[in-house]
Amino acid sequence: MYRFKNLEVNNPKIELGDLCFKNFYIFNKYRDIAEKSIREYMEYFATRKPSSPETENIDRLVKWYQTDNETRKRYMTWQQEIDIAVDLERQRANDAERRYFEAKDRADDAEKRFFEAKDRADEIQKQADAAEARADEEKARADKYEKILREHGIL
């Protein structure tokens, strides 16, 4: 058996500490294992021949799962079910992304219309300010003429 754990590449003294180990078992080397219970499991996986009550139980369960039609069917369609679920989630994500971009486009359009309306309002305000300035000039000129007419006794 080979055991690996996550270490920092440049400084292997630093461990990630995530308790994640990768174990690689060489089942054919079961004869080299000192601990009997582990050796029996390794031997079973290497030879598929049970040699203890525990491995006989595993062998019995393996055979049952291999012959149970419902279990076989579920096992055979499991990947298909996973693929369908993944496709559904992808479709949901794509739909959500599409809705997001549609909403963003609507918001951008609304923002564009807002700035166009603001520009029109600013132009109208500018025209109103210019008209008010002309009216003030006309009033000032009228006041001036009225004053002159009063001074000459015409009014």
N, C-alpha and C. Protein backbone atom coordinates (compact mmCIF):
# COMPACT_ATOMS: atom_id res chain seq x y z
N MET A 1 0.85 -1.17 0.00
CA MET A 1 0.00 0.00 0.00
C MET A 1 0.90 1.23 0.00
N TYR A 2 0.54 2.19 -0.81
CA TYR A 2 1.23 3.47 -0.84
C TYR A 2 0.26 4.52 -0.33
N ARG A 3 0.75 5.39 0.58
CA ARG A 3 -0.10 6.45 1.13
C ARG A 3 0.51 7.80 0.78
N PHE A 4 -0.33 8.69 0.29
CA PHE A 4 0.11 10.04 -0.06
C PHE A 4 -0.78 11.04 0.67
N LYS A 5 -0.23 12.22 0.94
CA LYS A 5 -1.02 13.30 1.52
C LYS A 5 -0.60 14.61 0.87
N ASN A 6 -1.37 15.64 1.08
CA ASN A 6 -1.14 16.93 0.43
C ASN A 6 -0.04 17.71 1.16
N LEU A 7 1.03 17.98 0.42
CA LEU A 7 2.17 18.74 0.96
C LEU A 7 2.44 19.93 0.05
N GLU A 8 3.09 20.97 0.61
CA GLU A 8 3.49 22.13 -0.18
C GLU A 8 4.65 21.71 -1.07
N VAL A 9 4.56 21.98 -2.35
CA VAL A 9 5.54 21.49 -3.32
C VAL A 9 6.95 22.00 -3.01
N ASN A 10 7.09 23.29 -2.74
CA ASN A 10 8.41 23.87 -2.53
C ASN A 10 8.96 23.62 -1.12
N ASN A 11 8.08 23.28 -0.20
CA ASN A 11 8.52 23.02 1.17
C ASN A 11 7.69 21.86 1.72
N PRO A 12 8.10 20.60 1.47
CA PRO A 12 7.31 19.43 1.87
C PRO A 12 7.09 19.30 3.38
N LYS A 13 7.77 20.10 4.18
CA LYS A 13 7.53 20.05 5.62
C LYS A 13 6.18 20.68 5.97
N ILE A 14 5.66 21.47 5.04
CA ILE A 14 4.36 22.12 5.27
C ILE A 14 3.28 21.22 4.69
N GLU A 15 2.41 20.73 5.59
CA GLU A 15 1.29 19.89 5.18
C GLU A 15 0.03 20.74 5.07
N LEU A 16 -0.83 20.38 4.14
CA LEU A 16 -2.10 21.09 3.99
C LEU A 16 -2.98 20.86 5.21
N GLY A 17 -2.87 19.69 5.80
CA GLY A 17 -3.63 19.41 7.03
C GLY A 17 -5.11 19.20 6.79
N ASP A 18 -5.50 18.84 5.57
CA ASP A 18 -6.92 18.63 5.27
C ASP A 18 -7.37 17.20 5.52
N LEU A 19 -6.47 16.39 6.05
CA LEU A 19 -6.75 14.98 6.36
C LEU A 19 -7.17 14.20 5.13
N CYS A 20 -6.75 14.66 3.98
CA CYS A 20 -7.05 13.97 2.72
C CYS A 20 -5.85 13.10 2.35
N PHE A 21 -6.08 11.79 2.30
CA PHE A 21 -5.01 10.86 1.96
C PHE A 21 -5.42 10.09 0.71
N LYS A 22 -4.45 9.77 -0.09
CA LYS A 22 -4.68 8.92 -1.25
C LYS A 22 -3.95 7.61 -1.00
N ASN A 23 -4.70 6.54 -0.92
CA ASN A 23 -4.12 5.22 -0.66
C ASN A 23 -4.19 4.39 -1.93
N PHE A 24 -3.07 3.81 -2.29
CA PHE A 24 -3.00 2.93 -3.44
C PHE A 24 -2.65 1.53 -2.93
N TYR A 25 -3.52 0.59 -3.24
CA TYR A 25 -3.34 -0.77 -2.75
C TYR A 25 -2.87 -1.67 -3.91
N ILE A 26 -1.83 -2.41 -3.64
CA ILE A 26 -1.35 -3.40 -4.60
C ILE A 26 -1.84 -4.75 -4.05
N PHE A 27 -3.03 -5.15 -4.49
CA PHE A 27 -3.67 -6.33 -3.92
C PHE A 27 -2.84 -7.61 -4.08
N ASN A 28 -2.12 -7.70 -5.19
CA ASN A 28 -1.35 -8.92 -5.43
C ASN A 28 -0.20 -9.11 -4.43
N LYS A 29 0.09 -8.11 -3.64
CA LYS A 29 1.17 -8.23 -2.65
C LYS A 29 0.61 -8.54 -1.26
N TYR A 30 -0.57 -9.16 -1.22
CA TYR A 30 -1.21 -9.46 0.07
C TYR A 30 -0.35 -10.34 0.96
N ARG A 31 0.48 -11.18 0.39
CA ARG A 31 1.32 -12.08 1.20
C ARG A 31 2.33 -11.30 2.05
N ASP A 32 2.67 -10.08 1.64
CA ASP A 32 3.67 -9.26 2.34
C ASP A 32 3.09 -8.49 3.52
N ILE A 33 1.79 -8.56 3.72
CA ILE A 33 1.15 -7.78 4.79
C ILE A 33 1.13 -8.61 6.06
N ALA A 34 1.63 -8.00 7.14
CA ALA A 34 1.76 -8.71 8.42
C ALA A 34 0.41 -8.86 9.13
N GLU A 35 -0.40 -7.83 9.13
CA GLU A 35 -1.66 -7.87 9.89
C GLU A 35 -2.66 -8.78 9.17
N LYS A 36 -3.14 -9.80 9.89
CA LYS A 36 -3.96 -10.86 9.30
C LYS A 36 -5.26 -10.33 8.68
N SER A 37 -5.98 -9.47 9.40
CA SER A 37 -7.29 -9.03 8.88
C SER A 37 -7.11 -8.24 7.58
N ILE A 38 -6.11 -7.40 7.52
CA ILE A 38 -5.86 -6.63 6.29
C ILE A 38 -5.41 -7.57 5.18
N ARG A 39 -4.55 -8.53 5.53
CA ARG A 39 -4.07 -9.50 4.54
C ARG A 39 -5.24 -10.29 3.93
N GLU A 40 -6.23 -10.68 4.78
CA GLU A 40 -7.38 -11.43 4.27
C GLU A 40 -8.19 -10.60 3.28
N TYR A 41 -8.42 -9.31 3.60
CA TYR A 41 -9.14 -8.44 2.68
C TYR A 41 -8.37 -8.27 1.38
N MET A 42 -7.09 -8.02 1.47
CA MET A 42 -6.26 -7.83 0.28
C MET A 42 -6.26 -9.10 -0.58
N GLU A 43 -6.18 -10.26 0.10
CA GLU A 43 -6.19 -11.53 -0.64
C GLU A 43 -7.52 -11.72 -1.37
N TYR A 44 -8.61 -11.37 -0.68
CA TYR A 44 -9.92 -11.51 -1.31
C TYR A 44 -10.01 -10.63 -2.57
N PHE A 45 -9.58 -9.37 -2.46
CA PHE A 45 -9.66 -8.47 -3.61
C PHE A 45 -8.71 -8.91 -4.73
N ALA A 46 -7.61 -9.57 -4.37
CA ALA A 46 -6.67 -10.05 -5.39
C ALA A 46 -7.16 -11.33 -6.05
N THR A 47 -7.78 -12.23 -5.28
CA THR A 47 -8.12 -13.56 -5.80
C THR A 47 -9.62 -13.78 -5.97
N ARG A 48 -10.44 -12.98 -5.31
CA ARG A 48 -11.90 -13.14 -5.27
C ARG A 48 -12.29 -14.46 -4.60
N LYS A 49 -11.39 -14.99 -3.75
CA LYS A 49 -11.68 -16.21 -2.99
C LYS A 49 -11.70 -15.86 -1.51
N PRO A 50 -12.84 -16.04 -0.84
CA PRO A 50 -12.93 -15.72 0.58
C PRO A 50 -12.11 -16.68 1.43
N SER A 51 -11.48 -16.13 2.50
CA SER A 51 -10.68 -16.99 3.38
C SER A 51 -10.99 -16.74 4.85
N SER A 52 -12.05 -15.96 5.13
CA SER A 52 -12.43 -15.67 6.51
C SER A 52 -13.93 -15.38 6.53
N PRO A 53 -14.53 -15.38 7.71
CA PRO A 53 -15.97 -15.06 7.78
C PRO A 53 -16.28 -13.66 7.21
N GLU A 54 -15.38 -12.72 7.45
CA GLU A 54 -15.60 -11.36 6.95
C GLU A 54 -15.58 -11.32 5.42
N THR A 55 -14.57 -11.99 4.82
CA THR A 55 -14.49 -11.97 3.35
C THR A 55 -15.57 -12.84 2.73
N GLU A 56 -16.03 -13.88 3.46
CA GLU A 56 -17.16 -14.67 2.97
C GLU A 56 -18.42 -13.80 2.91
N ASN A 57 -18.59 -12.94 3.91
CA ASN A 57 -19.74 -12.03 3.92
C ASN A 57 -19.65 -11.05 2.74
N ILE A 58 -18.46 -10.51 2.49
CA ILE A 58 -18.28 -9.61 1.35
C ILE A 58 -18.60 -10.36 0.06
N ASP A 59 -18.09 -11.59 -0.06
CA ASP A 59 -18.31 -12.39 -1.27
C ASP A 59 -19.80 -12.67 -1.47
N ARG A 60 -20.50 -12.98 -0.37
CA ARG A 60 -21.93 -13.22 -0.44
C ARG A 60 -22.67 -11.98 -0.93
N LEU A 61 -22.30 -10.80 -0.41
CA LEU A 61 -22.94 -9.56 -0.83
C LEU A 61 -22.63 -9.23 -2.30
N VAL A 62 -21.40 -9.45 -2.71
CA VAL A 62 -21.03 -9.20 -4.10
C VAL A 62 -21.88 -10.06 -5.02
N LYS A 63 -21.99 -11.34 -4.68
CA LYS A 63 -22.78 -12.25 -5.52
C LYS A 63 -24.26 -11.85 -5.53
N TRP A 64 -24.77 -11.44 -4.39
CA TRP A 64 -26.17 -11.01 -4.33
C TRP A 64 -26.39 -9.80 -5.23
N TYR A 65 -25.51 -8.79 -5.12
CA TYR A 65 -25.65 -7.59 -5.96
C TYR A 65 -25.51 -7.93 -7.43
N GLN A 66 -24.66 -8.89 -7.75
CA GLN A 66 -24.48 -9.27 -9.15
C GLN A 66 -25.71 -9.99 -9.71
N THR A 67 -26.45 -10.68 -8.87
CA THR A 67 -27.60 -11.45 -9.36
C THR A 67 -28.93 -10.74 -9.15
N ASP A 68 -28.97 -9.72 -8.33
CA ASP A 68 -30.22 -8.99 -8.08
C ASP A 68 -30.49 -8.06 -9.28
N ASN A 69 -31.56 -8.39 -10.01
CA ASN A 69 -31.86 -7.65 -11.24
C ASN A 69 -32.13 -6.17 -10.99
N GLU A 70 -32.84 -5.86 -9.92
CA GLU A 70 -33.14 -4.46 -9.62
C GLU A 70 -31.86 -3.68 -9.34
N THR A 71 -30.97 -4.27 -8.56
CA THR A 71 -29.69 -3.62 -8.25
C THR A 71 -28.86 -3.47 -9.52
N ARG A 72 -28.82 -4.51 -10.34
CA ARG A 72 -28.06 -4.44 -11.60
C ARG A 72 -28.62 -3.34 -12.49
N LYS A 73 -29.95 -3.28 -12.56
CA LYS A 73 -30.59 -2.25 -13.39
C LYS A 73 -30.24 -0.86 -12.87
N ARG A 74 -30.35 -0.66 -11.55
CA ARG A 74 -30.02 0.64 -10.97
C ARG A 74 -28.56 0.98 -11.21
N TYR A 75 -27.68 -0.02 -11.11
CA TYR A 75 -26.25 0.22 -11.35
C TYR A 75 -26.02 0.59 -12.81
N MET A 76 -26.69 -0.10 -13.72
CA MET A 76 -26.49 0.14 -15.15
C MET A 76 -27.03 1.50 -15.58
N THR A 77 -28.09 1.98 -14.91
CA THR A 77 -28.69 3.26 -15.30
C THR A 77 -28.21 4.41 -14.43
N TRP A 78 -27.37 4.11 -13.46
CA TRP A 78 -26.91 5.14 -12.53
C TRP A 78 -26.19 6.27 -13.27
N GLN A 79 -25.24 5.94 -14.13
CA GLN A 79 -24.51 6.97 -14.85
C GLN A 79 -25.45 7.77 -15.75
N GLN A 80 -26.41 7.07 -16.34
CA GLN A 80 -27.38 7.76 -17.18
C GLN A 80 -28.18 8.78 -16.34
N GLU A 81 -28.59 8.37 -15.15
CA GLU A 81 -29.33 9.27 -14.26
C GLU A 81 -28.46 10.46 -13.86
N ILE A 82 -27.20 10.20 -13.59
CA ILE A 82 -26.28 11.29 -13.25
C ILE A 82 -26.16 12.25 -14.43
N ASP A 83 -25.99 11.69 -15.65
CA ASP A 83 -25.87 12.52 -16.84
C ASP A 83 -27.11 13.38 -17.05
N ILE A 84 -28.28 12.79 -16.83
CA ILE A 84 -29.54 13.53 -16.98
C ILE A 84 -29.59 14.66 -15.95
N ALA A 85 -29.22 14.36 -14.71
CA ALA A 85 -29.23 15.39 -13.67
C ALA A 85 -28.25 16.51 -14.00
N VAL A 86 -27.08 16.15 -14.49
CA VAL A 86 -26.08 17.16 -14.87
C VAL A 86 -26.62 18.02 -16.01
N ASP A 87 -27.23 17.37 -17.01
CA ASP A 87 -27.80 18.12 -18.14
C ASP A 87 -28.89 19.08 -17.67
N LEU A 88 -29.73 18.61 -16.74
CA LEU A 88 -30.78 19.48 -16.21
C LEU A 88 -30.18 20.69 -15.49
N GLU A 89 -29.16 20.45 -14.69
CA GLU A 89 -28.51 21.55 -13.96
C GLU A 89 -27.85 22.51 -14.94
N ARG A 90 -27.22 21.96 -15.98
CA ARG A 90 -26.61 22.82 -17.01
C ARG A 90 -27.68 23.69 -17.68
N GLN A 91 -28.82 23.06 -18.00
CA GLN A 91 -29.91 23.80 -18.64
C GLN A 91 -30.43 24.90 -17.72
N ARG A 92 -30.58 24.56 -16.43
CA ARG A 92 -31.03 25.58 -15.47
C ARG A 92 -30.03 26.73 -15.39
N ALA A 93 -28.75 26.39 -15.38
CA ALA A 93 -27.72 27.43 -15.33
C ALA A 93 -27.76 28.28 -16.59
N ASN A 94 -27.93 27.63 -17.74
CA ASN A 94 -28.01 28.38 -19.00
C ASN A 94 -29.24 29.28 -19.03
N ASP A 95 -30.37 28.75 -18.54
CA ASP A 95 -31.59 29.56 -18.49
C ASP A 95 -31.41 30.76 -17.56
N ALA A 96 -30.79 30.52 -16.41
CA ALA A 96 -30.54 31.61 -15.47
C ALA A 96 -29.61 32.65 -16.09
N GLU A 97 -28.61 32.18 -16.79
CA GLU A 97 -27.67 33.10 -17.44
C GLU A 97 -28.40 33.91 -18.53
N ARG A 98 -29.26 33.23 -19.31
CA ARG A 98 -30.02 33.92 -20.35
C ARG A 98 -30.93 34.99 -19.73
N ARG A 99 -31.63 34.61 -18.63
CA ARG A 99 -32.50 35.58 -17.96
C ARG A 99 -31.70 36.76 -17.42
N TYR A 100 -30.51 36.49 -16.91
CA TYR A 100 -29.66 37.56 -16.40
C TYR A 100 -29.31 38.54 -17.52
N PHE A 101 -28.88 38.00 -18.68
CA PHE A 101 -28.50 38.88 -19.79
C PHE A 101 -29.70 39.62 -20.36
N GLU A 102 -30.86 38.97 -20.39
CA GLU A 102 -32.07 39.67 -20.84
C GLU A 102 -32.40 40.83 -19.90
N ALA A 103 -32.32 40.58 -18.60
CA ALA A 103 -32.59 41.62 -17.61
C ALA A 103 -31.55 42.74 -17.72
N LYS A 104 -30.31 42.35 -17.94
CA LYS A 104 -29.24 43.35 -18.09
C LYS A 104 -29.50 44.20 -19.33
N ASP A 105 -29.91 43.56 -20.44
CA ASP A 105 -30.23 44.32 -21.65
C ASP A 105 -31.39 45.29 -21.41
N ARG A 106 -32.43 44.81 -20.68
CA ARG A 106 -33.55 45.70 -20.37
C ARG A 106 -33.09 46.87 -19.50
N ALA A 107 -32.23 46.58 -18.53
CA ALA A 107 -31.72 47.64 -17.67
C ALA A 107 -30.89 48.63 -18.48
N ASP A 108 -30.06 48.10 -19.37
CA ASP A 108 -29.25 48.98 -20.22
C ASP A 108 -30.14 49.85 -21.10
N ASP A 109 -31.21 49.25 -21.67
CA ASP A 109 -32.15 50.02 -22.49
C ASP A 109 -32.84 51.10 -21.65
N ALA A 110 -33.25 50.75 -20.46
CA ALA A 110 -33.91 51.72 -19.58
C ALA A 110 -32.94 52.85 -19.23
N GLU A 111 -31.70 52.49 -18.96
CA GLU A 111 -30.69 53.51 -18.64
C GLU A 111 -30.47 54.42 -19.85
N LYS A 112 -30.44 53.85 -21.05
CA LYS A 112 -30.28 54.64 -22.27
C LYS A 112 -31.45 55.61 -22.44
N ARG A 113 -32.70 55.07 -22.25
CA ARG A 113 -33.88 55.93 -22.36
C ARG A 113 -33.85 57.04 -21.31
N PHE A 114 -33.39 56.71 -20.10
CA PHE A 114 -33.30 57.71 -19.03
C PHE A 114 -32.37 58.85 -19.45
N PHE A 115 -31.19 58.48 -19.97
CA PHE A 115 -30.23 59.52 -20.35
C PHE A 115 -30.71 60.32 -21.56
N GLU A 116 -31.43 59.65 -22.49
CA GLU A 116 -32.01 60.38 -23.62
C GLU A 116 -33.06 61.37 -23.11
N ALA A 117 -33.91 60.93 -22.18
CA ALA A 117 -34.94 61.82 -21.62
C ALA A 117 -34.27 62.95 -20.83
N LYS A 118 -33.21 62.62 -20.11
CA LYS A 118 -32.50 63.66 -19.35
C LYS A 118 -31.89 64.68 -20.32
N ASP A 119 -31.31 64.20 -21.42
CA ASP A 119 -30.74 65.12 -22.41
C ASP A 119 -31.84 66.01 -23.00
N ARG A 120 -33.03 65.42 -23.31
CA ARG A 120 -34.14 66.22 -23.83
C ARG A 120 -34.59 67.25 -22.79
N ALA A 121 -34.69 66.81 -21.53
CA ALA A 121 -35.10 67.73 -20.46
C ALA A 121 -34.08 68.85 -20.30
N ASP A 122 -32.79 68.50 -20.38
CA ASP A 122 -31.74 69.53 -20.28
C ASP A 122 -31.86 70.53 -21.44
N GLU A 123 -32.14 70.01 -22.65
CA GLU A 123 -32.29 70.89 -23.83
C GLU A 123 -33.49 71.81 -23.65
N ILE A 124 -34.61 71.25 -23.17
CA ILE A 124 -35.82 72.06 -22.94
C ILE A 124 -35.55 73.10 -21.87
N GLN A 125 -34.83 72.70 -20.82
CA GLN A 125 -34.49 73.65 -19.76
C GLN A 125 -33.61 74.77 -20.31
N LYS A 126 -32.67 74.41 -21.19
CA LYS A 126 -31.79 75.40 -21.81
C LYS A 126 -32.61 76.38 -22.64
N GLN A 127 -33.57 75.83 -23.41
CA GLN A 127 -34.43 76.69 -24.22
C GLN A 127 -35.28 77.60 -23.32
N ALA A 128 -35.79 77.03 -22.21
CA ALA A 128 -36.60 77.82 -21.28
C ALA A 128 -35.74 78.92 -20.64
N ASP A 129 -34.50 78.59 -20.29
CA ASP A 129 -33.60 79.59 -19.71
C ASP A 129 -33.32 80.70 -20.72
N ALA A 130 -33.10 80.30 -22.00
CA ALA A 130 -32.84 81.31 -23.04
C ALA A 130 -34.07 82.19 -23.24
N ALA A 131 -35.28 81.59 -23.24
CA ALA A 131 -36.52 82.37 -23.39
C ALA A 131 -36.69 83.31 -22.21
N GLU A 132 -36.38 82.84 -21.01
CA GLU A 132 -36.49 83.70 -19.82
C GLU A 132 -35.49 84.85 -19.91
N ALA A 133 -34.28 84.56 -20.40
CA ALA A 133 -33.27 85.61 -20.54
C ALA A 133 -33.74 86.65 -21.56
N ARG A 134 -34.35 86.18 -22.69
CA ARG A 134 -34.87 87.11 -23.69
C ARG A 134 -36.01 87.95 -23.11
N ALA A 135 -36.86 87.30 -22.31
CA ALA A 135 -37.97 88.03 -21.69
C ALA A 135 -37.43 89.08 -20.72
N ASP A 136 -36.40 88.72 -19.96
CA ASP A 136 -35.79 89.69 -19.04
C ASP A 136 -35.20 90.86 -19.81
N GLU A 137 -34.56 90.57 -20.96
CA GLU A 137 -33.99 91.64 -21.80
C GLU A 137 -35.10 92.55 -22.33
N GLU A 138 -36.20 91.92 -22.79
CA GLU A 138 -37.33 92.68 -23.32
C GLU A 138 -37.94 93.54 -22.21
N LYS A 139 -38.06 92.99 -21.02
CA LYS A 139 -38.64 93.74 -19.91
C LYS A 139 -37.73 94.90 -19.55
N ALA A 140 -36.40 94.63 -19.52
CA ALA A 140 -35.45 95.71 -19.21
C ALA A 140 -35.53 96.80 -20.27
N ARG A 141 -35.64 96.43 -21.53
CA ARG A 141 -35.74 97.41 -22.62
C ARG A 141 -37.05 98.19 -22.48
N ALA A 142 -38.15 97.48 -22.17
CA ALA A 142 -39.45 98.15 -22.00
C ALA A 142 -39.40 99.12 -20.82
N ASP A 143 -38.75 98.69 -19.72
CA ASP A 143 -38.61 99.58 -18.56
C ASP A 143 -37.81 100.83 -18.94
N LYS A 144 -36.77 100.63 -19.74
CA LYS A 144 -35.92 101.73 -20.17
C LYS A 144 -36.73 102.73 -21.01
N TYR A 145 -37.52 102.19 -21.98
CA TYR A 145 -38.33 103.07 -22.84
C TYR A 145 -39.41 103.77 -22.03
N GLU A 146 -40.00 103.04 -21.07
CA GLU A 146 -41.02 103.65 -20.22
C GLU A 146 -40.43 104.81 -19.44
N LYS A 147 -39.21 104.63 -18.95
CA LYS A 147 -38.53 105.68 -18.18
C LYS A 147 -38.28 106.89 -19.08
N ILE A 148 -37.82 106.64 -20.30
CA ILE A 148 -37.54 107.74 -21.23
C ILE A 148 -38.84 108.48 -21.56
N LEU A 149 -39.90 107.73 -21.80
CA LEU A 149 -41.18 108.34 -22.12
C LEU A 149 -41.71 109.16 -20.95
N ARG A 150 -41.50 108.72 -19.77
CA ARG A 150 -41.94 109.46 -18.57
C ARG A 150 -41.11 110.73 -18.44
N GLU A 151 -39.80 110.60 -18.71
CA GLU A 151 -38.94 111.80 -18.59
C GLU A 151 -39.35 112.86 -19.61
N HIS A 152 -39.83 112.47 -20.73
CA HIS A 152 -40.24 113.44 -21.76
C HIS A 152 -41.71 113.80 -21.65
N GLY A 153 -42.34 113.27 -20.68
CA GLY A 153 -43.73 113.60 -20.40
C GLY A 153 -44.73 113.01 -21.37
N ILE A 154 -44.31 112.03 -22.07
CA ILE A 154 -45.20 111.39 -23.02
C ILE A 154 -46.14 110.45 -22.28
N LEU A 155 -45.73 109.93 -21.20
CA LEU A 155 -46.58 109.03 -20.41
C LEU A 155 -47.04 109.70 -19.15
